[in-house]
């Protein structure tokens, strides 16, 4: 698996790179968002670890640009940042992030998170999906009621795909295990942000909430 580490602090880049290489990953680095765009096209990483606050182009701008490029639109993007306010978290997901890891984080935990994410990438890439006609897998999009194709972030698409797969209620635990993987620790707020974003894109009526239980999809 190839991992691109994007951070303007040299010691962080080198420390993360050193530990990921020890775990067997092929690692490249970039010092800002603009460099990350070039590296992502040339290096074709499976995963991008992206800092938020950087010179030249910050992480959110870079994330939006990566999602807009067909060559990197489906690449897994995880923010690795010390900024952890709720508004900033929401902005990252709105920009197209798949997940968020808060600094400081131990290298043992980070390597474990990266390993779990890469397992999900492998599973996603090899899985033969039978999606609803509303889901357009090639472009990670959804055909809305008015016939307009709505673009979804990777995690939004995977959540919606799971909810559509069966006419039943999916618990929060089932969604976490299926979309993020059982080995990945994800805060409950992360799922709530994704559900909120999905509703804003496809309409409130299509995702039902069952308080204390989970969510389901409705045509």
N, C-alpha and C. Protein backbone atom coordinates (compact mmCIF):
# COMPACT_ATOMS: atom_id res chain seq x y z
N UNK A 1 0.84 -1.20 0.00
CA UNK A 1 0.00 0.00 0.00
C UNK A 1 0.88 1.26 0.00
N UNK A 2 0.45 2.27 -0.74
CA UNK A 2 1.18 3.53 -0.83
C UNK A 2 0.48 4.60 0.00
N UNK A 3 1.25 5.30 0.81
CA UNK A 3 0.71 6.34 1.69
C UNK A 3 1.44 7.65 1.41
N UNK A 4 0.67 8.72 1.22
CA UNK A 4 1.24 10.06 1.05
C UNK A 4 1.01 10.85 2.34
N UNK A 5 2.11 11.31 2.95
CA UNK A 5 2.06 12.09 4.19
C UNK A 5 2.24 13.56 3.84
N UNK A 6 1.27 14.40 4.20
CA UNK A 6 1.31 15.82 3.85
C UNK A 6 1.30 16.64 5.13
N UNK A 7 2.43 17.29 5.41
CA UNK A 7 2.55 18.10 6.63
C UNK A 7 3.69 19.09 6.42
N UNK A 8 3.51 20.32 6.92
CA UNK A 8 4.55 21.34 6.73
C UNK A 8 5.66 21.24 7.77
N UNK A 9 5.50 20.39 8.78
CA UNK A 9 6.53 20.23 9.80
C UNK A 9 7.41 19.03 9.48
N UNK A 10 8.70 19.31 9.27
CA UNK A 10 9.65 18.29 8.84
C UNK A 10 9.74 17.13 9.83
N UNK A 11 9.79 17.43 11.12
CA UNK A 11 9.96 16.35 12.09
C UNK A 11 8.76 15.40 12.10
N UNK A 12 7.56 15.94 11.90
CA UNK A 12 6.37 15.10 11.85
C UNK A 12 6.39 14.23 10.60
N UNK A 13 6.70 14.84 9.44
CA UNK A 13 6.78 14.07 8.20
C UNK A 13 7.76 12.92 8.33
N UNK A 14 8.95 13.22 8.81
CA UNK A 14 9.99 12.19 8.88
C UNK A 14 9.63 11.09 9.88
N UNK A 15 9.03 11.47 11.00
CA UNK A 15 8.68 10.50 12.04
C UNK A 15 7.57 9.56 11.55
N UNK A 16 6.55 10.14 10.93
CA UNK A 16 5.45 9.32 10.40
C UNK A 16 5.96 8.43 9.28
N UNK A 17 6.76 9.00 8.38
CA UNK A 17 7.29 8.23 7.26
C UNK A 17 8.14 7.05 7.77
N UNK A 18 9.02 7.32 8.72
CA UNK A 18 9.90 6.28 9.27
C UNK A 18 9.08 5.12 9.84
N UNK A 19 8.06 5.43 10.62
CA UNK A 19 7.27 4.38 11.25
C UNK A 19 6.40 3.62 10.26
N UNK A 20 5.86 4.30 9.26
CA UNK A 20 5.04 3.60 8.27
C UNK A 20 5.89 2.71 7.37
N UNK A 21 7.08 3.18 7.02
CA UNK A 21 7.99 2.35 6.22
C UNK A 21 8.36 1.08 6.99
N UNK A 22 8.58 1.23 8.31
CA UNK A 22 8.88 0.06 9.15
C UNK A 22 7.74 -0.96 9.11
N UNK A 23 6.51 -0.46 8.92
CA UNK A 23 5.34 -1.35 8.86
C UNK A 23 5.12 -1.94 7.47
N UNK A 24 5.99 -1.54 6.52
CA UNK A 24 5.91 -2.13 5.20
C UNK A 24 5.21 -1.31 4.14
N UNK A 25 4.88 -0.06 4.47
CA UNK A 25 4.21 0.80 3.50
C UNK A 25 5.22 1.54 2.63
N UNK A 26 4.81 1.84 1.41
CA UNK A 26 5.60 2.71 0.54
C UNK A 26 5.12 4.13 0.80
N UNK A 27 6.03 5.01 1.20
CA UNK A 27 5.62 6.33 1.69
C UNK A 27 6.30 7.45 0.91
N UNK A 28 5.49 8.45 0.53
CA UNK A 28 6.01 9.69 -0.06
C UNK A 28 5.52 10.84 0.81
N UNK A 29 6.16 12.00 0.68
CA UNK A 29 5.81 13.14 1.52
C UNK A 29 5.61 14.40 0.69
N UNK A 30 4.82 15.32 1.23
CA UNK A 30 4.63 16.64 0.63
C UNK A 30 4.56 17.65 1.76
N UNK A 31 4.99 18.89 1.48
CA UNK A 31 5.08 19.91 2.54
C UNK A 31 3.89 20.85 2.58
N UNK A 32 3.04 20.83 1.56
CA UNK A 32 1.85 21.68 1.56
C UNK A 32 0.81 21.09 0.60
N UNK A 33 -0.35 21.71 0.56
CA UNK A 33 -1.43 21.18 -0.25
C UNK A 33 -1.13 21.14 -1.74
N UNK A 34 -0.48 22.17 -2.24
CA UNK A 34 -0.18 22.21 -3.67
C UNK A 34 0.78 21.09 -4.07
N UNK A 35 1.78 20.87 -3.22
CA UNK A 35 2.71 19.76 -3.46
C UNK A 35 1.97 18.43 -3.41
N UNK A 36 1.01 18.34 -2.50
CA UNK A 36 0.24 17.10 -2.34
C UNK A 36 -0.52 16.76 -3.62
N UNK A 37 -1.06 17.77 -4.29
CA UNK A 37 -1.80 17.52 -5.54
C UNK A 37 -0.89 16.90 -6.59
N UNK A 38 0.34 17.43 -6.70
CA UNK A 38 1.29 16.90 -7.68
C UNK A 38 1.72 15.48 -7.31
N UNK A 39 2.04 15.29 -6.02
CA UNK A 39 2.49 13.98 -5.56
C UNK A 39 1.39 12.93 -5.71
N UNK A 40 0.15 13.32 -5.44
CA UNK A 40 -0.95 12.37 -5.52
C UNK A 40 -1.13 11.85 -6.94
N UNK A 41 -0.94 12.70 -7.93
CA UNK A 41 -1.08 12.27 -9.33
C UNK A 41 0.09 11.39 -9.74
N UNK A 42 1.28 11.74 -9.31
CA UNK A 42 2.48 10.98 -9.70
C UNK A 42 2.67 9.70 -8.90
N UNK A 43 2.42 9.77 -7.59
CA UNK A 43 2.67 8.65 -6.69
C UNK A 43 1.48 7.69 -6.61
N UNK A 44 0.27 8.21 -6.89
CA UNK A 44 -0.98 7.44 -6.85
C UNK A 44 -1.14 6.67 -5.54
N UNK A 45 -1.19 7.39 -4.42
CA UNK A 45 -1.31 6.72 -3.12
C UNK A 45 -2.68 6.08 -2.93
N UNK A 46 -2.71 5.05 -2.09
CA UNK A 46 -3.98 4.46 -1.69
C UNK A 46 -4.61 5.28 -0.56
N UNK A 47 -3.74 5.93 0.23
CA UNK A 47 -4.18 6.71 1.39
C UNK A 47 -3.36 8.00 1.47
N UNK A 48 -4.04 9.10 1.78
CA UNK A 48 -3.37 10.38 2.00
C UNK A 48 -3.64 10.82 3.43
N UNK A 49 -2.56 11.03 4.21
CA UNK A 49 -2.65 11.60 5.55
C UNK A 49 -2.38 13.10 5.40
N UNK A 50 -3.38 13.91 5.70
CA UNK A 50 -3.35 15.32 5.31
C UNK A 50 -3.49 16.25 6.52
N UNK A 51 -2.51 17.11 6.71
CA UNK A 51 -2.59 18.12 7.76
C UNK A 51 -3.56 19.21 7.32
N UNK A 52 -4.12 19.93 8.30
CA UNK A 52 -5.08 20.98 7.95
C UNK A 52 -4.41 22.33 7.73
N UNK A 53 -3.64 22.79 8.71
CA UNK A 53 -3.05 24.13 8.64
C UNK A 53 -1.67 24.06 7.99
N UNK A 54 -1.59 24.52 6.73
CA UNK A 54 -0.33 24.51 5.98
C UNK A 54 -0.23 25.75 5.11
N UNK A 55 0.98 26.19 4.78
CA UNK A 55 1.15 27.33 3.88
C UNK A 55 0.85 26.95 2.44
N UNK A 56 0.78 27.94 1.58
CA UNK A 56 0.55 27.80 0.13
C UNK A 56 -0.87 27.32 -0.17
N UNK A 57 -1.23 26.13 0.31
CA UNK A 57 -2.60 25.62 0.17
C UNK A 57 -2.89 24.75 1.39
N UNK A 58 -3.95 25.08 2.14
CA UNK A 58 -4.21 24.32 3.35
C UNK A 58 -4.90 22.99 3.02
N UNK A 59 -5.09 22.18 4.06
CA UNK A 59 -5.59 20.83 3.85
C UNK A 59 -6.98 20.77 3.25
N UNK A 60 -7.87 21.65 3.67
CA UNK A 60 -9.24 21.62 3.15
C UNK A 60 -9.28 21.97 1.66
N UNK A 61 -8.51 22.99 1.27
CA UNK A 61 -8.42 23.34 -0.15
C UNK A 61 -7.87 22.15 -0.95
N UNK A 62 -6.83 21.54 -0.41
CA UNK A 62 -6.21 20.39 -1.10
C UNK A 62 -7.18 19.24 -1.22
N UNK A 63 -7.94 18.99 -0.17
CA UNK A 63 -8.91 17.89 -0.18
C UNK A 63 -9.97 18.11 -1.26
N UNK A 64 -10.48 19.33 -1.33
CA UNK A 64 -11.48 19.64 -2.37
C UNK A 64 -10.89 19.45 -3.77
N UNK A 65 -9.64 19.88 -3.95
CA UNK A 65 -8.99 19.75 -5.26
C UNK A 65 -8.75 18.28 -5.60
N UNK A 66 -8.39 17.49 -4.63
CA UNK A 66 -8.16 16.05 -4.85
C UNK A 66 -9.46 15.36 -5.25
N UNK A 67 -10.54 15.73 -4.62
CA UNK A 67 -11.84 15.13 -4.95
C UNK A 67 -12.32 15.57 -6.34
N UNK A 68 -11.90 16.75 -6.77
CA UNK A 68 -12.33 17.26 -8.08
C UNK A 68 -11.55 16.64 -9.23
N UNK A 69 -10.40 16.05 -8.93
CA UNK A 69 -9.56 15.44 -9.97
C UNK A 69 -9.96 13.97 -10.15
N UNK A 70 -10.37 13.55 -11.35
CA UNK A 70 -10.78 12.16 -11.56
C UNK A 70 -9.71 11.14 -11.18
N UNK A 71 -8.44 11.53 -11.25
CA UNK A 71 -7.35 10.60 -10.93
C UNK A 71 -7.22 10.35 -9.43
N UNK A 72 -7.72 11.28 -8.61
CA UNK A 72 -7.58 11.15 -7.16
C UNK A 72 -8.92 11.20 -6.43
N UNK A 73 -10.01 11.25 -7.17
CA UNK A 73 -11.33 11.45 -6.56
C UNK A 73 -11.70 10.36 -5.57
N UNK A 74 -11.23 9.13 -5.80
CA UNK A 74 -11.61 8.01 -4.92
C UNK A 74 -10.53 7.64 -3.91
N UNK A 75 -9.44 8.40 -3.90
CA UNK A 75 -8.36 8.11 -2.96
C UNK A 75 -8.83 8.36 -1.52
N UNK A 76 -8.47 7.47 -0.60
CA UNK A 76 -8.84 7.63 0.80
C UNK A 76 -8.05 8.81 1.38
N UNK A 77 -8.77 9.77 1.97
CA UNK A 77 -8.15 10.96 2.55
C UNK A 77 -8.50 11.05 4.02
N UNK A 78 -7.48 11.05 4.86
CA UNK A 78 -7.66 11.13 6.31
C UNK A 78 -6.89 12.34 6.84
N UNK A 79 -7.59 13.25 7.50
CA UNK A 79 -6.91 14.39 8.09
C UNK A 79 -6.17 13.95 9.35
N UNK A 80 -4.95 14.41 9.48
CA UNK A 80 -4.12 14.18 10.66
C UNK A 80 -3.74 15.56 11.17
N UNK A 81 -4.50 16.07 12.14
CA UNK A 81 -4.36 17.48 12.50
C UNK A 81 -4.62 17.70 13.99
N UNK A 82 -4.02 18.77 14.51
CA UNK A 82 -4.23 19.15 15.91
C UNK A 82 -5.50 19.97 16.06
N UNK A 83 -6.07 20.44 14.97
CA UNK A 83 -7.31 21.23 15.02
C UNK A 83 -8.48 20.26 15.20
N UNK A 84 -9.23 20.41 16.29
CA UNK A 84 -10.27 19.42 16.56
C UNK A 84 -11.62 20.05 16.93
N UNK A 85 -11.83 21.35 16.68
CA UNK A 85 -13.12 21.96 16.94
C UNK A 85 -14.18 21.36 16.02
N UNK A 86 -15.42 21.32 16.49
CA UNK A 86 -16.49 20.67 15.72
C UNK A 86 -16.67 21.32 14.36
N UNK A 87 -16.63 22.66 14.30
CA UNK A 87 -16.82 23.34 13.02
C UNK A 87 -15.73 22.95 12.02
N UNK A 88 -14.50 22.83 12.50
CA UNK A 88 -13.39 22.44 11.62
C UNK A 88 -13.56 21.00 11.16
N UNK A 89 -14.04 20.14 12.06
CA UNK A 89 -14.29 18.75 11.70
C UNK A 89 -15.34 18.66 10.60
N UNK A 90 -16.41 19.41 10.75
CA UNK A 90 -17.48 19.41 9.74
C UNK A 90 -16.95 19.92 8.41
N UNK A 91 -16.14 20.98 8.44
CA UNK A 91 -15.56 21.54 7.21
C UNK A 91 -14.69 20.51 6.49
N UNK A 92 -13.96 19.72 7.25
CA UNK A 92 -13.12 18.68 6.63
C UNK A 92 -13.96 17.63 5.92
N UNK A 93 -15.04 17.19 6.57
CA UNK A 93 -15.91 16.20 5.94
C UNK A 93 -16.63 16.80 4.73
N UNK A 94 -17.00 18.06 4.84
CA UNK A 94 -17.64 18.72 3.70
C UNK A 94 -16.68 18.85 2.52
N UNK A 95 -15.38 18.97 2.82
CA UNK A 95 -14.37 19.06 1.76
C UNK A 95 -14.13 17.71 1.09
N UNK A 96 -14.60 16.63 1.74
CA UNK A 96 -14.47 15.30 1.13
C UNK A 96 -13.62 14.31 1.91
N UNK A 97 -13.27 14.65 3.16
CA UNK A 97 -12.45 13.74 3.96
C UNK A 97 -13.21 12.47 4.31
N UNK A 98 -12.47 11.37 4.42
CA UNK A 98 -13.06 10.09 4.82
C UNK A 98 -13.00 9.89 6.33
N UNK A 99 -12.01 10.46 6.96
CA UNK A 99 -11.84 10.27 8.40
C UNK A 99 -10.94 11.37 8.94
N UNK A 100 -10.79 11.40 10.28
CA UNK A 100 -10.04 12.46 10.94
C UNK A 100 -9.32 11.87 12.15
N UNK A 101 -8.02 12.05 12.23
CA UNK A 101 -7.23 11.60 13.37
C UNK A 101 -6.64 12.84 14.03
N UNK A 102 -6.83 12.96 15.33
CA UNK A 102 -6.39 14.15 16.05
C UNK A 102 -4.97 13.98 16.59
N UNK A 103 -4.13 14.97 16.33
CA UNK A 103 -2.81 15.04 16.93
C UNK A 103 -2.95 15.62 18.35
N UNK A 104 -2.06 15.25 19.28
CA UNK A 104 -1.00 14.24 19.10
C UNK A 104 -1.56 12.83 19.15
N UNK A 105 -0.92 11.92 18.42
CA UNK A 105 -1.33 10.52 18.41
C UNK A 105 -0.06 9.67 18.46
N UNK A 106 -0.09 8.60 19.22
CA UNK A 106 1.09 7.74 19.30
C UNK A 106 1.29 7.03 17.97
N UNK A 107 2.53 6.72 17.64
CA UNK A 107 2.80 6.03 16.39
C UNK A 107 2.18 4.64 16.37
N UNK A 108 2.09 4.01 17.53
CA UNK A 108 1.46 2.69 17.60
C UNK A 108 -0.01 2.77 17.20
N UNK A 109 -0.69 3.78 17.72
CA UNK A 109 -2.10 3.98 17.39
C UNK A 109 -2.25 4.39 15.93
N UNK A 110 -1.40 5.30 15.47
CA UNK A 110 -1.49 5.75 14.08
C UNK A 110 -1.28 4.59 13.11
N UNK A 111 -0.26 3.78 13.35
CA UNK A 111 0.01 2.63 12.47
C UNK A 111 -1.16 1.64 12.49
N UNK A 112 -1.78 1.49 13.67
CA UNK A 112 -2.94 0.61 13.77
C UNK A 112 -4.11 1.15 12.96
N UNK A 113 -4.33 2.47 13.05
CA UNK A 113 -5.41 3.10 12.29
C UNK A 113 -5.15 2.98 10.79
N UNK A 114 -3.91 3.24 10.38
CA UNK A 114 -3.56 3.14 8.96
C UNK A 114 -3.76 1.71 8.47
N UNK A 115 -3.35 0.73 9.28
CA UNK A 115 -3.52 -0.67 8.90
C UNK A 115 -4.98 -1.03 8.70
N UNK A 116 -5.83 -0.57 9.62
CA UNK A 116 -7.26 -0.86 9.52
C UNK A 116 -7.87 -0.18 8.29
N UNK A 117 -7.45 1.06 8.02
CA UNK A 117 -7.95 1.79 6.85
C UNK A 117 -7.53 1.08 5.57
N UNK A 118 -6.29 0.62 5.52
CA UNK A 118 -5.80 -0.05 4.31
C UNK A 118 -6.52 -1.38 4.07
N UNK A 119 -6.91 -2.06 5.14
CA UNK A 119 -7.71 -3.28 4.99
C UNK A 119 -9.06 -2.95 4.36
N UNK A 120 -9.63 -1.82 4.79
CA UNK A 120 -10.91 -1.39 4.22
C UNK A 120 -10.74 -1.04 2.74
N UNK A 121 -9.62 -0.43 2.39
CA UNK A 121 -9.37 -0.08 0.99
C UNK A 121 -9.29 -1.34 0.15
N UNK A 122 -8.56 -2.34 0.63
CA UNK A 122 -8.42 -3.60 -0.10
C UNK A 122 -9.76 -4.28 -0.28
N UNK A 123 -10.54 -4.27 0.79
CA UNK A 123 -11.86 -4.90 0.73
C UNK A 123 -12.77 -4.17 -0.24
N UNK A 124 -12.70 -2.83 -0.21
CA UNK A 124 -13.54 -2.02 -1.10
C UNK A 124 -13.16 -2.25 -2.56
N UNK A 125 -11.86 -2.34 -2.83
CA UNK A 125 -11.40 -2.47 -4.21
C UNK A 125 -11.71 -3.84 -4.82
N UNK A 126 -11.81 -4.87 -3.96
CA UNK A 126 -12.02 -6.22 -4.49
C UNK A 126 -13.47 -6.67 -4.42
N UNK A 127 -14.27 -5.92 -3.69
CA UNK A 127 -15.66 -6.34 -3.49
C UNK A 127 -16.47 -6.15 -4.76
N UNK A 128 -17.32 -7.13 -5.07
CA UNK A 128 -18.21 -7.03 -6.23
C UNK A 128 -19.57 -6.57 -5.74
N UNK A 129 -19.87 -5.31 -5.91
CA UNK A 129 -21.09 -4.73 -5.36
C UNK A 129 -22.29 -4.88 -6.28
N UNK A 130 -23.45 -5.06 -5.67
CA UNK A 130 -24.70 -5.05 -6.43
C UNK A 130 -25.55 -3.91 -5.86
N UNK A 131 -25.26 -2.70 -6.29
CA UNK A 131 -25.87 -1.51 -5.72
C UNK A 131 -27.25 -1.24 -6.31
N UNK A 132 -27.99 -0.41 -5.61
CA UNK A 132 -29.25 0.08 -6.12
C UNK A 132 -29.01 0.85 -7.41
N UNK A 133 -30.06 0.90 -8.24
CA UNK A 133 -29.95 1.65 -9.50
C UNK A 133 -29.71 3.14 -9.23
N UNK A 134 -30.02 3.60 -8.04
CA UNK A 134 -29.81 5.01 -7.71
C UNK A 134 -28.32 5.32 -7.49
N UNK A 135 -27.55 4.32 -7.14
CA UNK A 135 -26.13 4.53 -6.85
C UNK A 135 -25.29 4.35 -8.10
N UNK A 136 -24.42 5.29 -8.36
CA UNK A 136 -23.53 5.23 -9.52
C UNK A 136 -22.12 5.05 -8.96
N UNK A 137 -21.68 3.79 -8.89
CA UNK A 137 -20.44 3.46 -8.19
C UNK A 137 -19.22 4.12 -8.82
N UNK A 138 -19.17 4.17 -10.15
CA UNK A 138 -17.99 4.68 -10.84
C UNK A 138 -17.69 6.13 -10.45
N UNK A 139 -18.74 6.89 -10.11
CA UNK A 139 -18.54 8.30 -9.80
C UNK A 139 -18.89 8.63 -8.35
N UNK A 140 -19.15 7.60 -7.55
CA UNK A 140 -19.53 7.80 -6.14
C UNK A 140 -20.65 8.84 -6.05
N UNK A 141 -21.73 8.58 -6.77
CA UNK A 141 -22.83 9.54 -6.78
C UNK A 141 -24.17 8.83 -6.62
N UNK A 142 -25.22 9.64 -6.47
CA UNK A 142 -26.57 9.15 -6.19
C UNK A 142 -27.54 9.89 -7.10
N UNK A 143 -28.47 9.15 -7.67
CA UNK A 143 -29.46 9.74 -8.56
C UNK A 143 -30.64 10.22 -7.72
N UNK A 144 -30.76 11.52 -7.55
CA UNK A 144 -31.79 12.11 -6.69
C UNK A 144 -33.17 11.98 -7.30
N UNK A 145 -34.19 12.32 -6.51
CA UNK A 145 -35.58 12.19 -6.96
C UNK A 145 -35.88 13.03 -8.20
N UNK A 146 -35.20 14.16 -8.34
CA UNK A 146 -35.43 15.04 -9.49
C UNK A 146 -34.59 14.65 -10.71
N UNK A 147 -33.88 13.51 -10.62
CA UNK A 147 -33.08 13.03 -11.74
C UNK A 147 -31.68 13.60 -11.81
N UNK A 148 -31.33 14.47 -10.85
CA UNK A 148 -30.00 15.08 -10.83
C UNK A 148 -29.02 14.15 -10.12
N UNK A 149 -27.83 13.99 -10.69
CA UNK A 149 -26.80 13.15 -10.08
C UNK A 149 -26.08 13.95 -9.00
N UNK A 150 -26.10 13.42 -7.77
CA UNK A 150 -25.51 14.10 -6.62
C UNK A 150 -24.19 13.43 -6.25
N UNK A 151 -23.11 14.20 -6.20
CA UNK A 151 -21.80 13.66 -5.86
C UNK A 151 -21.68 13.44 -4.35
N UNK A 152 -21.13 12.29 -3.96
CA UNK A 152 -20.98 11.94 -2.55
C UNK A 152 -19.51 11.71 -2.22
N UNK A 153 -19.14 12.04 -0.99
CA UNK A 153 -17.82 11.69 -0.49
C UNK A 153 -17.76 10.17 -0.33
N UNK A 154 -16.55 9.62 -0.27
CA UNK A 154 -16.38 8.17 -0.23
C UNK A 154 -17.15 7.54 0.92
N UNK A 155 -16.99 8.06 2.12
CA UNK A 155 -17.67 7.49 3.28
C UNK A 155 -19.18 7.69 3.19
N UNK A 156 -19.62 8.83 2.67
CA UNK A 156 -21.06 9.04 2.48
C UNK A 156 -21.62 7.97 1.55
N UNK A 157 -20.90 7.71 0.47
CA UNK A 157 -21.34 6.70 -0.50
C UNK A 157 -21.42 5.32 0.15
N UNK A 158 -20.41 4.96 0.93
CA UNK A 158 -20.39 3.63 1.55
C UNK A 158 -21.49 3.47 2.59
N UNK A 159 -21.77 4.53 3.35
CA UNK A 159 -22.87 4.48 4.32
C UNK A 159 -24.19 4.29 3.60
N UNK A 160 -24.40 5.08 2.55
CA UNK A 160 -25.65 4.99 1.81
C UNK A 160 -25.80 3.64 1.13
N UNK A 161 -24.71 3.12 0.58
CA UNK A 161 -24.73 1.81 -0.07
C UNK A 161 -25.16 0.72 0.93
N UNK A 162 -24.64 0.81 2.15
CA UNK A 162 -25.01 -0.16 3.17
C UNK A 162 -26.49 -0.04 3.53
N UNK A 163 -26.96 1.18 3.74
CA UNK A 163 -28.36 1.38 4.12
C UNK A 163 -29.32 0.90 3.03
N UNK A 164 -28.92 1.08 1.77
CA UNK A 164 -29.76 0.66 0.65
C UNK A 164 -29.74 -0.86 0.46
N UNK A 165 -28.68 -1.51 0.92
CA UNK A 165 -28.47 -2.94 0.63
C UNK A 165 -29.58 -3.84 1.17
N UNK A 166 -30.21 -3.43 2.28
CA UNK A 166 -31.28 -4.25 2.86
C UNK A 166 -32.35 -3.34 3.44
N UNK A 167 -33.64 -3.74 3.31
CA UNK A 167 -34.73 -2.93 3.86
C UNK A 167 -34.91 -3.18 5.37
N UNK A 168 -33.94 -2.68 6.15
CA UNK A 168 -34.00 -2.90 7.60
C UNK A 168 -33.25 -1.77 8.30
N UNK A 169 -33.29 -1.79 9.63
CA UNK A 169 -32.55 -0.81 10.42
C UNK A 169 -31.13 -1.31 10.65
N UNK A 170 -30.15 -0.49 10.35
CA UNK A 170 -28.75 -0.81 10.62
C UNK A 170 -28.33 -0.07 11.89
N UNK A 171 -27.77 -0.81 12.83
CA UNK A 171 -27.32 -0.18 14.07
C UNK A 171 -26.07 0.66 13.79
N UNK A 172 -25.77 1.56 14.71
CA UNK A 172 -24.58 2.38 14.57
C UNK A 172 -23.34 1.49 14.52
N UNK A 173 -23.33 0.43 15.35
CA UNK A 173 -22.18 -0.48 15.38
C UNK A 173 -21.99 -1.18 14.04
N UNK A 174 -23.10 -1.59 13.41
CA UNK A 174 -23.01 -2.24 12.10
C UNK A 174 -22.43 -1.29 11.06
N UNK A 175 -22.85 -0.05 11.12
CA UNK A 175 -22.36 0.94 10.15
C UNK A 175 -20.88 1.19 10.37
N UNK A 176 -20.47 1.36 11.63
CA UNK A 176 -19.05 1.56 11.92
C UNK A 176 -18.22 0.39 11.42
N UNK A 177 -18.67 -0.84 11.72
CA UNK A 177 -17.90 -2.03 11.33
C UNK A 177 -17.81 -2.18 9.83
N UNK A 178 -18.91 -1.89 9.13
CA UNK A 178 -18.94 -2.08 7.68
C UNK A 178 -18.18 -0.99 6.93
N UNK A 179 -18.32 0.25 7.38
CA UNK A 179 -17.76 1.39 6.64
C UNK A 179 -16.34 1.72 7.08
N UNK A 180 -16.10 1.69 8.40
CA UNK A 180 -14.76 2.04 8.89
C UNK A 180 -13.92 0.82 9.27
N UNK A 181 -14.58 -0.29 9.58
CA UNK A 181 -13.87 -1.49 9.99
C UNK A 181 -13.90 -1.66 11.50
N UNK A 182 -13.99 -2.89 11.94
CA UNK A 182 -14.12 -3.17 13.38
C UNK A 182 -12.89 -2.74 14.17
N UNK A 183 -11.73 -2.65 13.50
CA UNK A 183 -10.49 -2.32 14.20
C UNK A 183 -10.26 -0.82 14.34
N UNK A 184 -11.12 -0.02 13.71
CA UNK A 184 -10.93 1.43 13.71
C UNK A 184 -11.82 2.07 14.77
N UNK A 185 -11.23 2.90 15.62
CA UNK A 185 -12.00 3.61 16.64
C UNK A 185 -12.49 4.92 16.04
N UNK A 186 -13.81 5.05 15.91
CA UNK A 186 -14.41 6.24 15.31
C UNK A 186 -15.41 6.83 16.29
N UNK A 187 -15.35 8.13 16.49
CA UNK A 187 -16.28 8.79 17.40
C UNK A 187 -17.69 8.80 16.83
N UNK A 188 -18.68 8.74 17.72
CA UNK A 188 -20.08 8.73 17.29
C UNK A 188 -20.42 9.98 16.48
N UNK A 189 -19.79 11.10 16.82
CA UNK A 189 -20.04 12.37 16.12
C UNK A 189 -19.68 12.27 14.64
N UNK A 190 -18.67 11.45 14.34
CA UNK A 190 -18.25 11.28 12.95
C UNK A 190 -19.40 10.75 12.09
N UNK A 191 -20.10 9.72 12.59
CA UNK A 191 -21.23 9.17 11.86
C UNK A 191 -22.35 10.19 11.74
N UNK A 192 -22.62 10.91 12.82
CA UNK A 192 -23.69 11.92 12.78
C UNK A 192 -23.42 12.98 11.73
N UNK A 193 -22.16 13.40 11.60
CA UNK A 193 -21.79 14.40 10.59
C UNK A 193 -22.05 13.85 9.19
N UNK A 194 -21.67 12.60 8.95
CA UNK A 194 -21.88 12.00 7.63
C UNK A 194 -23.37 11.85 7.31
N UNK A 195 -24.15 11.43 8.29
CA UNK A 195 -25.60 11.29 8.07
C UNK A 195 -26.22 12.64 7.78
N UNK A 196 -25.79 13.67 8.51
CA UNK A 196 -26.30 15.03 8.28
C UNK A 196 -25.97 15.48 6.85
N UNK A 197 -24.74 15.21 6.42
CA UNK A 197 -24.34 15.60 5.06
C UNK A 197 -25.13 14.83 4.01
N UNK A 198 -25.35 13.54 4.25
CA UNK A 198 -26.13 12.73 3.30
C UNK A 198 -27.55 13.29 3.16
N UNK A 199 -28.16 13.60 4.29
CA UNK A 199 -29.53 14.13 4.24
C UNK A 199 -29.59 15.45 3.47
N UNK A 200 -28.56 16.28 3.64
CA UNK A 200 -28.57 17.56 2.93
C UNK A 200 -28.43 17.37 1.43
N UNK A 201 -27.85 16.22 1.02
CA UNK A 201 -27.61 15.98 -0.40
C UNK A 201 -28.75 15.20 -1.08
N UNK A 202 -29.28 14.18 -0.38
CA UNK A 202 -30.28 13.32 -1.03
C UNK A 202 -31.69 13.55 -0.53
N UNK A 203 -31.83 14.36 0.52
CA UNK A 203 -33.15 14.64 1.07
C UNK A 203 -33.39 13.94 2.40
N UNK A 204 -34.00 14.66 3.34
CA UNK A 204 -34.24 14.12 4.68
C UNK A 204 -35.09 12.86 4.67
N UNK A 205 -36.02 12.77 3.75
CA UNK A 205 -37.00 11.69 3.78
C UNK A 205 -36.41 10.32 3.50
N UNK A 206 -35.20 10.27 2.91
CA UNK A 206 -34.63 8.98 2.51
C UNK A 206 -33.86 8.27 3.63
N UNK A 207 -33.51 8.99 4.68
CA UNK A 207 -32.78 8.36 5.79
C UNK A 207 -33.56 8.56 7.08
N UNK A 208 -34.04 7.45 7.63
CA UNK A 208 -34.81 7.50 8.87
C UNK A 208 -33.91 7.20 10.06
N UNK A 209 -34.12 7.96 11.14
CA UNK A 209 -33.37 7.74 12.37
C UNK A 209 -34.26 7.03 13.39
N UNK A 210 -33.72 6.00 14.01
CA UNK A 210 -34.41 5.29 15.08
C UNK A 210 -33.58 5.52 16.34
N UNK A 211 -34.04 6.44 17.16
CA UNK A 211 -33.27 6.89 18.32
C UNK A 211 -32.83 5.72 19.19
N UNK A 212 -31.52 5.69 19.46
CA UNK A 212 -30.98 4.65 20.31
C UNK A 212 -30.76 3.34 19.59
N UNK A 213 -31.13 3.28 18.29
CA UNK A 213 -30.99 2.02 17.53
C UNK A 213 -30.07 2.22 16.33
N UNK A 214 -30.52 3.02 15.36
CA UNK A 214 -29.70 3.21 14.17
C UNK A 214 -30.43 3.94 13.06
N UNK A 215 -30.16 3.53 11.81
CA UNK A 215 -30.70 4.24 10.65
C UNK A 215 -31.18 3.24 9.59
N UNK A 216 -32.08 3.71 8.74
CA UNK A 216 -32.52 2.91 7.60
C UNK A 216 -32.75 3.82 6.41
N UNK A 217 -32.79 3.21 5.22
CA UNK A 217 -33.04 3.96 3.99
C UNK A 217 -34.47 3.75 3.53
N UNK A 218 -35.10 4.81 3.02
CA UNK A 218 -36.47 4.73 2.51
C UNK A 218 -36.51 5.35 1.12
N UNK A 219 -37.14 4.68 0.19
CA UNK A 219 -37.32 5.23 -1.16
C UNK A 219 -38.32 6.38 -1.13
